[in-house]
Amino acid sequence: MVEFGDVAIDVMLLDSADASRRLIGGYLGNLEPHPMLVQTIREYLGQSLSVQLTAERLMVHVNTIAYRLRRIRDLTGHDLRKPDDAVGFSLALRAKDLLAEPEVPATPQ
């Protein structure tokens, strides 16, 4: 059993799939050709917005993370260092995960 508060955001994102897709497009759309930047966002958010911890987890130099954060800002118009934008990225990633189509295994021929 789960508390509604534990899944409220998921319910809202799934209930408003069109809005969730717009959120995904607005925050992540320009990053599709750059999966490494999406990985950096996930890790940066997961490490409580710590450049140092993100660099350690991704095994890169802190300057690399700083560069990637600037690149993300330039490509999306959203700055992960701003609280509202960090929340937007977090929600967009969660919506992307929730709305992802499950992979169908290939049928043997």
N, C-alpha and C. Protein backbone atom coordinates (compact mmCIF):
# COMPACT_ATOMS: atom_id res chain seq x y z
N MET A 1 0.84 -1.16 0.00
CA MET A 1 0.00 0.00 0.00
C MET A 1 0.90 1.24 0.00
N VAL A 2 0.50 2.25 -0.76
CA VAL A 2 1.25 3.50 -0.80
C VAL A 2 0.35 4.65 -0.41
N GLU A 3 0.95 5.66 0.11
CA GLU A 3 0.23 6.89 0.44
C GLU A 3 0.07 7.70 -0.84
N PHE A 4 -1.06 8.39 -0.97
CA PHE A 4 -1.29 9.20 -2.16
C PHE A 4 -0.20 10.24 -2.33
N GLY A 5 0.28 10.81 -1.23
CA GLY A 5 1.34 11.81 -1.31
C GLY A 5 2.61 11.29 -1.95
N ASP A 6 2.81 9.98 -1.84
CA ASP A 6 4.01 9.37 -2.43
C ASP A 6 3.91 9.25 -3.95
N VAL A 7 2.71 9.27 -4.48
CA VAL A 7 2.53 9.09 -5.93
C VAL A 7 1.75 10.25 -6.57
N ALA A 8 1.47 11.29 -5.82
CA ALA A 8 0.63 12.39 -6.33
C ALA A 8 1.21 13.00 -7.60
N ILE A 9 2.50 13.24 -7.63
CA ILE A 9 3.11 13.85 -8.82
C ILE A 9 3.00 12.91 -10.01
N ASP A 10 3.24 11.61 -9.78
CA ASP A 10 3.11 10.64 -10.87
C ASP A 10 1.68 10.63 -11.41
N VAL A 11 0.70 10.67 -10.52
CA VAL A 11 -0.71 10.68 -10.94
C VAL A 11 -0.99 11.92 -11.79
N MET A 12 -0.52 13.06 -11.34
CA MET A 12 -0.76 14.30 -12.09
C MET A 12 -0.09 14.25 -13.46
N LEU A 13 1.14 13.75 -13.53
CA LEU A 13 1.84 13.68 -14.81
C LEU A 13 1.16 12.71 -15.76
N LEU A 14 0.69 11.58 -15.25
CA LEU A 14 0.01 10.61 -16.09
C LEU A 14 -1.38 11.06 -16.48
N ASP A 15 -2.06 11.77 -15.58
CA ASP A 15 -3.42 12.25 -15.84
C ASP A 15 -3.43 13.33 -16.92
N SER A 16 -2.36 14.07 -17.02
CA SER A 16 -2.25 15.14 -18.00
C SER A 16 -1.13 14.80 -18.98
N ALA A 17 -1.31 13.71 -19.71
CA ALA A 17 -0.26 13.23 -20.61
C ALA A 17 0.13 14.27 -21.65
N ASP A 18 -0.84 15.02 -22.18
CA ASP A 18 -0.51 16.04 -23.18
C ASP A 18 0.36 17.13 -22.57
N ALA A 19 -0.01 17.59 -21.38
CA ALA A 19 0.78 18.61 -20.70
C ALA A 19 2.16 18.04 -20.36
N SER A 20 2.22 16.79 -19.97
CA SER A 20 3.50 16.16 -19.66
C SER A 20 4.39 16.10 -20.89
N ARG A 21 3.82 15.78 -22.03
CA ARG A 21 4.60 15.74 -23.28
C ARG A 21 5.13 17.12 -23.64
N ARG A 22 4.32 18.16 -23.40
CA ARG A 22 4.80 19.53 -23.65
C ARG A 22 5.93 19.88 -22.69
N LEU A 23 5.80 19.45 -21.45
CA LEU A 23 6.85 19.67 -20.46
C LEU A 23 8.15 18.98 -20.90
N ILE A 24 8.03 17.76 -21.34
CA ILE A 24 9.19 17.01 -21.82
C ILE A 24 9.83 17.74 -23.00
N GLY A 25 9.00 18.16 -23.94
CA GLY A 25 9.52 18.85 -25.12
C GLY A 25 10.20 20.16 -24.76
N GLY A 26 9.61 20.90 -23.84
CA GLY A 26 10.16 22.19 -23.46
C GLY A 26 11.48 22.10 -22.71
N TYR A 27 11.64 21.06 -21.92
CA TYR A 27 12.86 20.93 -21.14
C TYR A 27 13.89 19.99 -21.77
N LEU A 28 13.43 18.95 -22.45
CA LEU A 28 14.36 17.93 -22.94
C LEU A 28 14.40 17.78 -24.45
N GLY A 29 13.46 18.40 -25.15
CA GLY A 29 13.35 18.21 -26.59
C GLY A 29 14.63 18.48 -27.35
N ASN A 30 15.30 19.57 -27.05
CA ASN A 30 16.54 19.92 -27.77
C ASN A 30 17.72 19.05 -27.34
N LEU A 31 17.53 18.22 -26.34
CA LEU A 31 18.63 17.40 -25.84
C LEU A 31 18.60 15.97 -26.39
N GLU A 32 17.60 15.64 -27.21
CA GLU A 32 17.51 14.28 -27.74
C GLU A 32 18.80 13.81 -28.42
N PRO A 33 19.46 14.68 -29.20
CA PRO A 33 20.71 14.23 -29.84
C PRO A 33 21.90 14.17 -28.86
N HIS A 34 21.66 14.51 -27.60
CA HIS A 34 22.75 14.60 -26.62
C HIS A 34 22.43 13.80 -25.36
N PRO A 35 22.39 12.47 -25.46
CA PRO A 35 22.03 11.66 -24.28
C PRO A 35 22.97 11.87 -23.10
N MET A 36 24.22 12.23 -23.36
CA MET A 36 25.17 12.47 -22.27
C MET A 36 24.72 13.67 -21.44
N LEU A 37 24.09 14.66 -22.08
CA LEU A 37 23.60 15.82 -21.33
C LEU A 37 22.40 15.44 -20.46
N VAL A 38 21.55 14.57 -20.97
CA VAL A 38 20.40 14.10 -20.18
C VAL A 38 20.91 13.29 -18.99
N GLN A 39 21.91 12.46 -19.22
CA GLN A 39 22.51 11.70 -18.13
C GLN A 39 23.10 12.64 -17.08
N THR A 40 23.73 13.72 -17.53
CA THR A 40 24.30 14.71 -16.61
C THR A 40 23.20 15.36 -15.78
N ILE A 41 22.08 15.69 -16.40
CA ILE A 41 20.95 16.29 -15.67
C ILE A 41 20.47 15.33 -14.60
N ARG A 42 20.25 14.08 -14.98
CA ARG A 42 19.77 13.08 -14.01
C ARG A 42 20.73 12.98 -12.81
N GLU A 43 21.99 12.90 -13.11
CA GLU A 43 22.96 12.74 -12.03
C GLU A 43 23.07 14.00 -11.19
N TYR A 44 23.06 15.15 -11.83
CA TYR A 44 23.14 16.44 -11.12
C TYR A 44 21.97 16.59 -10.16
N LEU A 45 20.78 16.26 -10.63
CA LEU A 45 19.60 16.32 -9.76
C LEU A 45 19.70 15.27 -8.65
N GLY A 46 20.18 14.10 -8.99
CA GLY A 46 20.32 13.02 -8.02
C GLY A 46 21.38 13.29 -6.96
N GLN A 47 22.30 14.17 -7.28
CA GLN A 47 23.37 14.53 -6.35
C GLN A 47 23.10 15.89 -5.70
N SER A 48 21.83 16.25 -5.59
CA SER A 48 21.41 17.48 -4.90
C SER A 48 22.09 18.73 -5.46
N LEU A 49 22.22 18.78 -6.79
CA LEU A 49 22.77 19.93 -7.51
C LEU A 49 24.23 20.20 -7.16
N SER A 50 24.95 19.15 -6.82
CA SER A 50 26.37 19.27 -6.50
C SER A 50 27.21 18.96 -7.73
N VAL A 51 27.94 19.96 -8.21
CA VAL A 51 28.83 19.76 -9.35
C VAL A 51 29.92 18.74 -8.99
N GLN A 52 30.47 18.87 -7.81
CA GLN A 52 31.55 17.98 -7.37
C GLN A 52 31.09 16.52 -7.33
N LEU A 53 29.96 16.27 -6.67
CA LEU A 53 29.46 14.90 -6.58
C LEU A 53 29.06 14.34 -7.94
N THR A 54 28.50 15.19 -8.78
CA THR A 54 28.12 14.77 -10.13
C THR A 54 29.36 14.37 -10.92
N ALA A 55 30.41 15.18 -10.82
CA ALA A 55 31.66 14.86 -11.51
C ALA A 55 32.24 13.54 -11.02
N GLU A 56 32.20 13.32 -9.72
CA GLU A 56 32.71 12.08 -9.16
C GLU A 56 31.91 10.88 -9.68
N ARG A 57 30.58 11.00 -9.67
CA ARG A 57 29.73 9.88 -10.11
C ARG A 57 29.92 9.58 -11.59
N LEU A 58 30.10 10.63 -12.40
CA LEU A 58 30.26 10.43 -13.85
C LEU A 58 31.72 10.23 -14.25
N MET A 59 32.60 10.31 -13.25
CA MET A 59 34.04 10.13 -13.47
C MET A 59 34.60 11.09 -14.51
N VAL A 60 34.25 12.37 -14.33
CA VAL A 60 34.78 13.43 -15.18
C VAL A 60 35.24 14.57 -14.27
N HIS A 61 35.92 15.53 -14.85
CA HIS A 61 36.40 16.70 -14.11
C HIS A 61 35.22 17.64 -13.84
N VAL A 62 35.31 18.38 -12.74
CA VAL A 62 34.24 19.34 -12.41
C VAL A 62 34.04 20.36 -13.51
N ASN A 63 35.10 20.72 -14.22
CA ASN A 63 34.96 21.68 -15.33
C ASN A 63 34.11 21.10 -16.45
N THR A 64 34.16 19.78 -16.63
CA THR A 64 33.33 19.13 -17.64
C THR A 64 31.86 19.27 -17.27
N ILE A 65 31.54 19.09 -16.00
CA ILE A 65 30.15 19.25 -15.56
C ILE A 65 29.72 20.70 -15.73
N ALA A 66 30.56 21.64 -15.35
CA ALA A 66 30.23 23.06 -15.52
C ALA A 66 29.97 23.37 -16.99
N TYR A 67 30.80 22.83 -17.88
CA TYR A 67 30.60 23.03 -19.31
C TYR A 67 29.26 22.44 -19.75
N ARG A 68 28.97 21.22 -19.31
CA ARG A 68 27.72 20.57 -19.70
C ARG A 68 26.50 21.35 -19.20
N LEU A 69 26.58 21.89 -18.00
CA LEU A 69 25.46 22.69 -17.47
C LEU A 69 25.24 23.94 -18.32
N ARG A 70 26.32 24.56 -18.76
CA ARG A 70 26.19 25.72 -19.65
C ARG A 70 25.60 25.30 -21.00
N ARG A 71 26.04 24.16 -21.49
CA ARG A 71 25.53 23.65 -22.78
C ARG A 71 24.03 23.34 -22.68
N ILE A 72 23.63 22.74 -21.58
CA ILE A 72 22.20 22.46 -21.35
C ILE A 72 21.42 23.77 -21.34
N ARG A 73 21.94 24.76 -20.65
CA ARG A 73 21.27 26.07 -20.61
C ARG A 73 21.16 26.66 -22.01
N ASP A 74 22.25 26.60 -22.78
CA ASP A 74 22.24 27.16 -24.12
C ASP A 74 21.26 26.45 -25.05
N LEU A 75 21.16 25.13 -24.92
CA LEU A 75 20.28 24.35 -25.80
C LEU A 75 18.81 24.43 -25.41
N THR A 76 18.54 24.61 -24.12
CA THR A 76 17.15 24.55 -23.66
C THR A 76 16.57 25.90 -23.23
N GLY A 77 17.43 26.82 -22.87
CA GLY A 77 16.96 28.09 -22.32
C GLY A 77 16.62 27.99 -20.84
N HIS A 78 16.90 26.84 -20.24
CA HIS A 78 16.63 26.61 -18.81
C HIS A 78 17.94 26.35 -18.09
N ASP A 79 18.10 26.98 -16.94
CA ASP A 79 19.33 26.89 -16.17
C ASP A 79 19.12 26.00 -14.95
N LEU A 80 19.78 24.86 -14.92
CA LEU A 80 19.63 23.90 -13.82
C LEU A 80 20.02 24.49 -12.46
N ARG A 81 20.77 25.57 -12.46
CA ARG A 81 21.18 26.18 -11.19
C ARG A 81 20.06 27.02 -10.58
N LYS A 82 19.01 27.26 -11.35
CA LYS A 82 17.86 28.01 -10.83
C LYS A 82 16.83 27.00 -10.30
N PRO A 83 16.34 27.21 -9.09
CA PRO A 83 15.42 26.23 -8.49
C PRO A 83 14.21 25.89 -9.35
N ASP A 84 13.55 26.88 -9.94
CA ASP A 84 12.37 26.58 -10.76
C ASP A 84 12.73 25.73 -11.96
N ASP A 85 13.86 26.01 -12.58
CA ASP A 85 14.28 25.21 -13.74
C ASP A 85 14.69 23.81 -13.32
N ALA A 86 15.34 23.68 -12.17
CA ALA A 86 15.71 22.35 -11.68
C ALA A 86 14.46 21.50 -11.46
N VAL A 87 13.42 22.11 -10.89
CA VAL A 87 12.15 21.40 -10.70
C VAL A 87 11.55 21.03 -12.05
N GLY A 88 11.60 21.94 -13.00
CA GLY A 88 11.08 21.65 -14.34
C GLY A 88 11.78 20.48 -14.99
N PHE A 89 13.11 20.46 -14.90
CA PHE A 89 13.86 19.32 -15.44
C PHE A 89 13.49 18.03 -14.73
N SER A 90 13.37 18.10 -13.41
CA SER A 90 13.03 16.92 -12.63
C SER A 90 11.67 16.36 -13.05
N LEU A 91 10.69 17.24 -13.19
CA LEU A 91 9.35 16.80 -13.61
C LEU A 91 9.37 16.27 -15.04
N ALA A 92 10.12 16.92 -15.92
CA ALA A 92 10.19 16.47 -17.31
C ALA A 92 10.82 15.08 -17.39
N LEU A 93 11.86 14.84 -16.61
CA LEU A 93 12.48 13.51 -16.60
C LEU A 93 11.53 12.46 -16.04
N ARG A 94 10.82 12.82 -14.97
CA ARG A 94 9.86 11.87 -14.38
C ARG A 94 8.74 11.56 -15.37
N ALA A 95 8.24 12.59 -16.05
CA ALA A 95 7.19 12.38 -17.04
C ALA A 95 7.70 11.51 -18.19
N LYS A 96 8.91 11.77 -18.62
CA LYS A 96 9.51 10.96 -19.70
C LYS A 96 9.58 9.50 -19.28
N ASP A 97 10.00 9.24 -18.07
CA ASP A 97 10.09 7.87 -17.58
C ASP A 97 8.70 7.23 -17.48
N LEU A 98 7.73 7.98 -16.98
CA LEU A 98 6.38 7.44 -16.81
C LEU A 98 5.70 7.16 -18.14
N LEU A 99 5.93 8.02 -19.12
CA LEU A 99 5.25 7.89 -20.41
C LEU A 99 6.01 7.03 -21.40
N ALA A 100 7.18 6.56 -21.02
CA ALA A 100 7.99 5.75 -21.93
C ALA A 100 7.25 4.47 -22.30
N GLU A 101 7.30 4.18 -23.55
CA GLU A 101 6.70 2.93 -24.02
C GLU A 101 7.64 1.79 -23.64
N PRO A 102 7.10 0.73 -23.08
CA PRO A 102 7.97 -0.41 -22.75
C PRO A 102 8.54 -1.01 -24.03
N GLU A 103 9.78 -1.44 -23.94
CA GLU A 103 10.40 -2.06 -25.10
C GLU A 103 9.80 -3.44 -25.32
N VAL A 104 9.48 -3.71 -26.56
CA VAL A 104 8.92 -5.02 -26.91
C VAL A 104 10.07 -5.85 -27.46
N PRO A 105 10.32 -7.01 -26.86
CA PRO A 105 11.43 -7.83 -27.35
C PRO A 105 11.17 -8.28 -28.79
N ALA A 106 12.25 -8.38 -29.53
CA ALA A 106 12.13 -8.81 -30.92
C ALA A 106 11.62 -10.25 -30.97
N THR A 107 10.77 -10.50 -31.95
CA THR A 107 10.23 -11.85 -32.11
C THR A 107 11.21 -12.66 -32.95
N PRO A 108 11.60 -13.84 -32.45
CA PRO A 108 12.52 -14.67 -33.24
C PRO A 108 11.86 -15.08 -34.56
N GLN A 109 12.66 -15.15 -35.59
CA GLN A 109 12.11 -15.49 -36.91
C GLN A 109 12.29 -16.92 -37.24
